[in-house]
Amino acid sequence: MSKILILESNKNIAHLLEKLCSRMGHEAIIKNQAANIESLLETENIELVVSELHVLGVNIFELLNVIKEIKPRIKIIIITKEYHAERQLKKKGVHVDCVIQKPMSAERLTLEITKLIGS
């Protein structure tokens, strides 16, 4: 069982993502703010971060760089409604493994999670 950190400010979406991860055999840790993420990454064996592009109260570009500094091999999926998100991330020098456009399907997210960390 892999641990997946879900950064999502909408509680309903976070709950759906948690259920999806659970059905895939993974443990989901939900955070709706960036507080204490560094300590969480240092204490938990998290393999994947699934995040919306705009998390409450944080510069996501800085946060993603901090995540990669703490865990260079961690995989990251960004979920966004912004059309040019991939270009924005590259421009800021942030590496993510996958960008999924909203509205997203459970099948697409399942496929991407499986590609990155297995089922």
N, C-alpha and C. Protein backbone atom coordinates (compact mmCIF):
# COMPACT_ATOMS: atom_id res chain seq x y z
N MET A 1 0.84 -1.17 0.00
CA MET A 1 0.00 0.00 0.00
C MET A 1 0.89 1.24 0.00
N SER A 2 0.67 2.11 -0.97
CA SER A 2 1.40 3.37 -1.06
C SER A 2 0.61 4.47 -0.38
N LYS A 3 1.33 5.48 0.09
CA LYS A 3 0.68 6.64 0.68
C LYS A 3 0.68 7.78 -0.34
N ILE A 4 -0.49 8.40 -0.46
CA ILE A 4 -0.69 9.49 -1.41
C ILE A 4 -1.14 10.72 -0.63
N LEU A 5 -0.42 11.82 -0.81
CA LEU A 5 -0.80 13.09 -0.20
C LEU A 5 -1.69 13.84 -1.17
N ILE A 6 -2.89 14.18 -0.73
CA ILE A 6 -3.84 14.91 -1.55
C ILE A 6 -3.95 16.33 -1.01
N LEU A 7 -3.59 17.31 -1.85
CA LEU A 7 -3.71 18.72 -1.50
C LEU A 7 -4.89 19.28 -2.28
N GLU A 8 -5.99 19.44 -1.60
CA GLU A 8 -7.23 19.86 -2.25
C GLU A 8 -8.05 20.68 -1.28
N SER A 9 -8.42 21.90 -1.67
CA SER A 9 -9.17 22.78 -0.78
C SER A 9 -10.67 22.48 -0.75
N ASN A 10 -11.19 21.83 -1.78
CA ASN A 10 -12.60 21.47 -1.82
C ASN A 10 -12.78 20.12 -1.11
N LYS A 11 -13.48 20.14 0.02
CA LYS A 11 -13.63 18.92 0.82
C LYS A 11 -14.34 17.79 0.08
N ASN A 12 -15.31 18.12 -0.76
CA ASN A 12 -16.03 17.08 -1.51
C ASN A 12 -15.10 16.39 -2.51
N ILE A 13 -14.30 17.18 -3.22
CA ILE A 13 -13.36 16.60 -4.17
C ILE A 13 -12.30 15.79 -3.43
N ALA A 14 -11.82 16.32 -2.32
CA ALA A 14 -10.82 15.59 -1.51
C ALA A 14 -11.36 14.25 -1.08
N HIS A 15 -12.63 14.21 -0.65
CA HIS A 15 -13.24 12.96 -0.22
C HIS A 15 -13.34 11.97 -1.39
N LEU A 16 -13.71 12.45 -2.57
CA LEU A 16 -13.79 11.57 -3.74
C LEU A 16 -12.42 11.02 -4.11
N LEU A 17 -11.39 11.88 -4.05
CA LEU A 17 -10.02 11.43 -4.34
C LEU A 17 -9.56 10.39 -3.33
N GLU A 18 -9.92 10.61 -2.06
CA GLU A 18 -9.57 9.65 -1.01
C GLU A 18 -10.21 8.29 -1.27
N LYS A 19 -11.49 8.29 -1.67
CA LYS A 19 -12.19 7.03 -1.97
C LYS A 19 -11.56 6.32 -3.17
N LEU A 20 -11.19 7.09 -4.18
CA LEU A 20 -10.55 6.51 -5.35
C LEU A 20 -9.23 5.84 -4.97
N CYS A 21 -8.42 6.54 -4.19
CA CYS A 21 -7.13 5.98 -3.75
C CYS A 21 -7.34 4.73 -2.92
N SER A 22 -8.32 4.77 -2.04
CA SER A 22 -8.62 3.62 -1.19
C SER A 22 -9.03 2.41 -2.03
N ARG A 23 -9.86 2.63 -3.02
CA ARG A 23 -10.29 1.54 -3.91
C ARG A 23 -9.12 0.94 -4.67
N MET A 24 -8.09 1.76 -4.91
CA MET A 24 -6.91 1.28 -5.61
C MET A 24 -5.93 0.58 -4.66
N GLY A 25 -6.24 0.60 -3.36
CA GLY A 25 -5.37 -0.04 -2.38
C GLY A 25 -4.32 0.87 -1.78
N HIS A 26 -4.50 2.18 -1.93
CA HIS A 26 -3.55 3.15 -1.39
C HIS A 26 -4.17 3.89 -0.20
N GLU A 27 -3.30 4.42 0.64
CA GLU A 27 -3.75 5.24 1.76
C GLU A 27 -3.62 6.71 1.36
N ALA A 28 -4.68 7.47 1.52
CA ALA A 28 -4.68 8.89 1.18
C ALA A 28 -4.58 9.72 2.45
N ILE A 29 -3.73 10.73 2.40
CA ILE A 29 -3.62 11.71 3.48
C ILE A 29 -4.10 13.03 2.88
N ILE A 30 -5.15 13.59 3.45
CA ILE A 30 -5.77 14.80 2.91
C ILE A 30 -5.27 16.02 3.66
N LYS A 31 -4.88 17.03 2.90
CA LYS A 31 -4.52 18.34 3.46
C LYS A 31 -5.23 19.39 2.62
N ASN A 32 -5.91 20.34 3.27
CA ASN A 32 -6.55 21.40 2.52
C ASN A 32 -5.78 22.72 2.64
N GLN A 33 -4.66 22.67 3.36
CA GLN A 33 -3.74 23.80 3.47
C GLN A 33 -2.32 23.27 3.48
N ALA A 34 -1.37 24.17 3.27
CA ALA A 34 0.02 23.74 3.18
C ALA A 34 0.70 23.62 4.54
N ALA A 35 0.03 23.99 5.60
CA ALA A 35 0.64 23.95 6.93
C ALA A 35 1.13 22.55 7.28
N ASN A 36 2.35 22.47 7.79
CA ASN A 36 2.96 21.23 8.29
C ASN A 36 3.26 20.18 7.22
N ILE A 37 3.24 20.55 5.96
CA ILE A 37 3.51 19.57 4.92
C ILE A 37 4.95 19.07 4.99
N GLU A 38 5.89 19.96 5.30
CA GLU A 38 7.29 19.55 5.37
C GLU A 38 7.48 18.43 6.40
N SER A 39 6.93 18.62 7.60
CA SER A 39 7.08 17.59 8.64
C SER A 39 6.35 16.31 8.25
N LEU A 40 5.22 16.44 7.60
CA LEU A 40 4.48 15.26 7.13
C LEU A 40 5.32 14.46 6.13
N LEU A 41 5.97 15.15 5.20
CA LEU A 41 6.81 14.48 4.21
C LEU A 41 8.02 13.81 4.85
N GLU A 42 8.53 14.40 5.92
CA GLU A 42 9.70 13.84 6.59
C GLU A 42 9.34 12.63 7.45
N THR A 43 8.09 12.55 7.93
CA THR A 43 7.72 11.46 8.83
C THR A 43 6.93 10.33 8.14
N GLU A 44 6.28 10.64 7.04
CA GLU A 44 5.48 9.64 6.34
C GLU A 44 6.17 9.21 5.05
N ASN A 45 5.98 7.97 4.65
CA ASN A 45 6.56 7.46 3.42
C ASN A 45 5.60 7.71 2.25
N ILE A 46 5.50 8.97 1.88
CA ILE A 46 4.57 9.37 0.81
C ILE A 46 5.28 9.22 -0.53
N GLU A 47 4.59 8.54 -1.47
CA GLU A 47 5.17 8.29 -2.78
C GLU A 47 4.62 9.20 -3.87
N LEU A 48 3.43 9.77 -3.62
CA LEU A 48 2.76 10.55 -4.66
C LEU A 48 2.03 11.72 -4.02
N VAL A 49 2.09 12.87 -4.69
CA VAL A 49 1.30 14.04 -4.30
C VAL A 49 0.32 14.31 -5.43
N VAL A 50 -0.96 14.43 -5.08
CA VAL A 50 -1.99 14.84 -6.04
C VAL A 50 -2.49 16.18 -5.53
N SER A 51 -2.32 17.22 -6.35
CA SER A 51 -2.63 18.56 -5.88
C SER A 51 -3.36 19.36 -6.94
N GLU A 52 -4.25 20.20 -6.47
CA GLU A 52 -4.80 21.21 -7.37
C GLU A 52 -3.72 22.28 -7.54
N LEU A 53 -3.84 23.07 -8.56
CA LEU A 53 -2.83 24.08 -8.83
C LEU A 53 -2.91 25.23 -7.83
N HIS A 54 -4.10 25.49 -7.31
CA HIS A 54 -4.27 26.59 -6.36
C HIS A 54 -4.73 26.04 -5.01
N VAL A 55 -3.77 25.85 -4.11
CA VAL A 55 -4.07 25.38 -2.76
C VAL A 55 -4.16 26.61 -1.87
N LEU A 56 -5.13 26.62 -0.99
CA LEU A 56 -5.36 27.79 -0.14
C LEU A 56 -4.11 28.21 0.63
N GLY A 57 -3.80 29.49 0.54
CA GLY A 57 -2.76 30.07 1.37
C GLY A 57 -1.35 29.67 1.04
N VAL A 58 -1.07 29.33 -0.22
CA VAL A 58 0.29 28.89 -0.55
C VAL A 58 0.63 29.24 -2.00
N ASN A 59 1.89 29.48 -2.23
CA ASN A 59 2.41 29.59 -3.58
C ASN A 59 2.76 28.16 -4.01
N ILE A 60 1.97 27.59 -4.87
CA ILE A 60 2.12 26.17 -5.23
C ILE A 60 3.48 25.89 -5.86
N PHE A 61 4.02 26.85 -6.59
CA PHE A 61 5.32 26.64 -7.23
C PHE A 61 6.41 26.48 -6.18
N GLU A 62 6.38 27.32 -5.16
CA GLU A 62 7.34 27.19 -4.06
C GLU A 62 7.13 25.89 -3.29
N LEU A 63 5.87 25.56 -3.03
CA LEU A 63 5.57 24.34 -2.29
C LEU A 63 6.06 23.10 -3.04
N LEU A 64 5.84 23.04 -4.34
CA LEU A 64 6.28 21.88 -5.11
C LEU A 64 7.81 21.77 -5.10
N ASN A 65 8.49 22.89 -5.14
CA ASN A 65 9.95 22.85 -5.05
C ASN A 65 10.41 22.36 -3.68
N VAL A 66 9.73 22.77 -2.62
CA VAL A 66 10.05 22.29 -1.26
C VAL A 66 9.82 20.78 -1.18
N ILE A 67 8.70 20.33 -1.72
CA ILE A 67 8.40 18.89 -1.72
C ILE A 67 9.51 18.12 -2.41
N LYS A 68 9.96 18.59 -3.57
CA LYS A 68 11.02 17.91 -4.32
C LYS A 68 12.36 17.98 -3.59
N GLU A 69 12.61 19.05 -2.82
CA GLU A 69 13.84 19.13 -2.04
C GLU A 69 13.84 18.07 -0.94
N ILE A 70 12.70 17.89 -0.29
CA ILE A 70 12.59 16.93 0.80
C ILE A 70 12.60 15.50 0.27
N LYS A 71 11.86 15.26 -0.81
CA LYS A 71 11.73 13.92 -1.41
C LYS A 71 11.93 14.03 -2.92
N PRO A 72 13.18 14.01 -3.36
CA PRO A 72 13.46 14.20 -4.79
C PRO A 72 12.78 13.19 -5.72
N ARG A 73 12.50 12.00 -5.23
CA ARG A 73 11.91 10.96 -6.09
C ARG A 73 10.39 10.91 -6.04
N ILE A 74 9.78 11.77 -5.25
CA ILE A 74 8.32 11.75 -5.12
C ILE A 74 7.69 12.10 -6.46
N LYS A 75 6.58 11.48 -6.75
CA LYS A 75 5.83 11.74 -7.97
C LYS A 75 4.76 12.78 -7.68
N ILE A 76 4.45 13.63 -8.68
CA ILE A 76 3.47 14.70 -8.49
C ILE A 76 2.51 14.74 -9.66
N ILE A 77 1.21 14.77 -9.32
CA ILE A 77 0.15 14.97 -10.30
C ILE A 77 -0.54 16.29 -9.94
N ILE A 78 -0.70 17.16 -10.92
CA ILE A 78 -1.42 18.42 -10.73
C ILE A 78 -2.76 18.31 -11.46
N ILE A 79 -3.81 18.73 -10.76
CA ILE A 79 -5.15 18.77 -11.34
C ILE A 79 -5.54 20.24 -11.43
N THR A 80 -5.94 20.68 -12.62
CA THR A 80 -6.22 22.10 -12.80
C THR A 80 -7.24 22.34 -13.90
N LYS A 81 -7.87 23.49 -13.83
CA LYS A 81 -8.75 23.91 -14.92
C LYS A 81 -8.03 24.89 -15.84
N GLU A 82 -6.79 25.26 -15.48
CA GLU A 82 -6.02 26.19 -16.29
C GLU A 82 -5.41 25.49 -17.49
N TYR A 83 -5.66 26.06 -18.65
CA TYR A 83 -5.24 25.45 -19.90
C TYR A 83 -3.71 25.41 -20.06
N HIS A 84 -3.01 26.44 -19.60
CA HIS A 84 -1.57 26.53 -19.80
C HIS A 84 -0.77 26.18 -18.55
N ALA A 85 -1.30 25.34 -17.71
CA ALA A 85 -0.64 25.00 -16.44
C ALA A 85 0.73 24.37 -16.65
N GLU A 86 0.84 23.47 -17.61
CA GLU A 86 2.13 22.81 -17.85
C GLU A 86 3.19 23.84 -18.22
N ARG A 87 2.82 24.78 -19.05
CA ARG A 87 3.75 25.82 -19.46
C ARG A 87 4.15 26.69 -18.27
N GLN A 88 3.17 27.01 -17.41
CA GLN A 88 3.46 27.80 -16.20
C GLN A 88 4.45 27.07 -15.30
N LEU A 89 4.23 25.80 -15.09
CA LEU A 89 5.09 25.00 -14.23
C LEU A 89 6.52 24.95 -14.78
N LYS A 90 6.64 24.71 -16.08
CA LYS A 90 7.97 24.66 -16.70
C LYS A 90 8.67 26.01 -16.60
N LYS A 91 7.92 27.07 -16.82
CA LYS A 91 8.47 28.42 -16.76
C LYS A 91 9.03 28.73 -15.37
N LYS A 92 8.37 28.19 -14.33
CA LYS A 92 8.81 28.40 -12.95
C LYS A 92 9.86 27.38 -12.52
N GLY A 93 10.22 26.45 -13.42
CA GLY A 93 11.24 25.46 -13.11
C GLY A 93 10.76 24.35 -12.20
N VAL A 94 9.47 24.08 -12.22
CA VAL A 94 8.88 23.05 -11.36
C VAL A 94 8.60 21.80 -12.20
N HIS A 95 9.15 20.66 -11.76
CA HIS A 95 8.91 19.41 -12.47
C HIS A 95 7.75 18.67 -11.81
N VAL A 96 6.75 18.33 -12.62
CA VAL A 96 5.67 17.45 -12.17
C VAL A 96 5.60 16.30 -13.16
N ASP A 97 5.01 15.21 -12.72
CA ASP A 97 4.96 14.02 -13.56
C ASP A 97 3.74 13.99 -14.47
N CYS A 98 2.70 14.71 -14.09
CA CYS A 98 1.47 14.68 -14.88
C CYS A 98 0.61 15.89 -14.55
N VAL A 99 -0.01 16.46 -15.58
CA VAL A 99 -0.99 17.53 -15.39
C VAL A 99 -2.30 17.02 -15.99
N ILE A 100 -3.35 17.04 -15.19
CA ILE A 100 -4.67 16.59 -15.64
C ILE A 100 -5.61 17.79 -15.64
N GLN A 101 -6.27 18.00 -16.77
CA GLN A 101 -7.22 19.10 -16.90
C GLN A 101 -8.56 18.74 -16.25
N LYS A 102 -9.16 19.72 -15.57
CA LYS A 102 -10.52 19.57 -15.06
C LYS A 102 -11.47 19.90 -16.20
N PRO A 103 -12.63 19.31 -16.28
CA PRO A 103 -13.05 18.22 -15.40
C PRO A 103 -12.30 16.94 -15.75
N MET A 104 -11.94 16.23 -14.73
CA MET A 104 -11.17 15.00 -14.93
C MET A 104 -12.07 13.80 -14.69
N SER A 105 -11.63 12.69 -15.23
CA SER A 105 -12.37 11.45 -15.00
C SER A 105 -11.61 10.60 -14.00
N ALA A 106 -12.33 9.79 -13.27
CA ALA A 106 -11.71 8.86 -12.33
C ALA A 106 -10.82 7.89 -13.08
N GLU A 107 -11.21 7.51 -14.29
CA GLU A 107 -10.43 6.57 -15.08
C GLU A 107 -9.06 7.16 -15.43
N ARG A 108 -9.03 8.43 -15.82
CA ARG A 108 -7.75 9.07 -16.17
C ARG A 108 -6.84 9.15 -14.95
N LEU A 109 -7.40 9.58 -13.81
CA LEU A 109 -6.58 9.68 -12.61
C LEU A 109 -6.07 8.31 -12.18
N THR A 110 -6.93 7.30 -12.25
CA THR A 110 -6.53 5.94 -11.91
C THR A 110 -5.38 5.48 -12.81
N LEU A 111 -5.50 5.74 -14.09
CA LEU A 111 -4.46 5.37 -15.04
C LEU A 111 -3.13 6.04 -14.70
N GLU A 112 -3.16 7.34 -14.41
CA GLU A 112 -1.93 8.07 -14.11
C GLU A 112 -1.31 7.62 -12.79
N ILE A 113 -2.13 7.37 -11.79
CA ILE A 113 -1.61 6.87 -10.50
C ILE A 113 -0.94 5.52 -10.72
N THR A 114 -1.60 4.65 -11.47
CA THR A 114 -1.05 3.32 -11.73
C THR A 114 0.27 3.40 -12.47
N LYS A 115 0.36 4.31 -13.44
CA LYS A 115 1.62 4.49 -14.18
C LYS A 115 2.74 4.92 -13.26
N LEU A 116 2.43 5.80 -12.31
CA LEU A 116 3.48 6.39 -11.47
C LEU A 116 3.88 5.52 -10.27
N ILE A 117 2.91 4.89 -9.61
CA ILE A 117 3.25 4.13 -8.39
C ILE A 117 2.66 2.73 -8.35
N GLY A 118 1.98 2.33 -9.41
CA GLY A 118 1.39 0.99 -9.42
C GLY A 118 -0.01 1.00 -8.81
N SER A 119 -0.64 -0.17 -8.84
CA SER A 119 -2.02 -0.25 -8.31
C SER A 119 -2.06 -1.00 -7.01
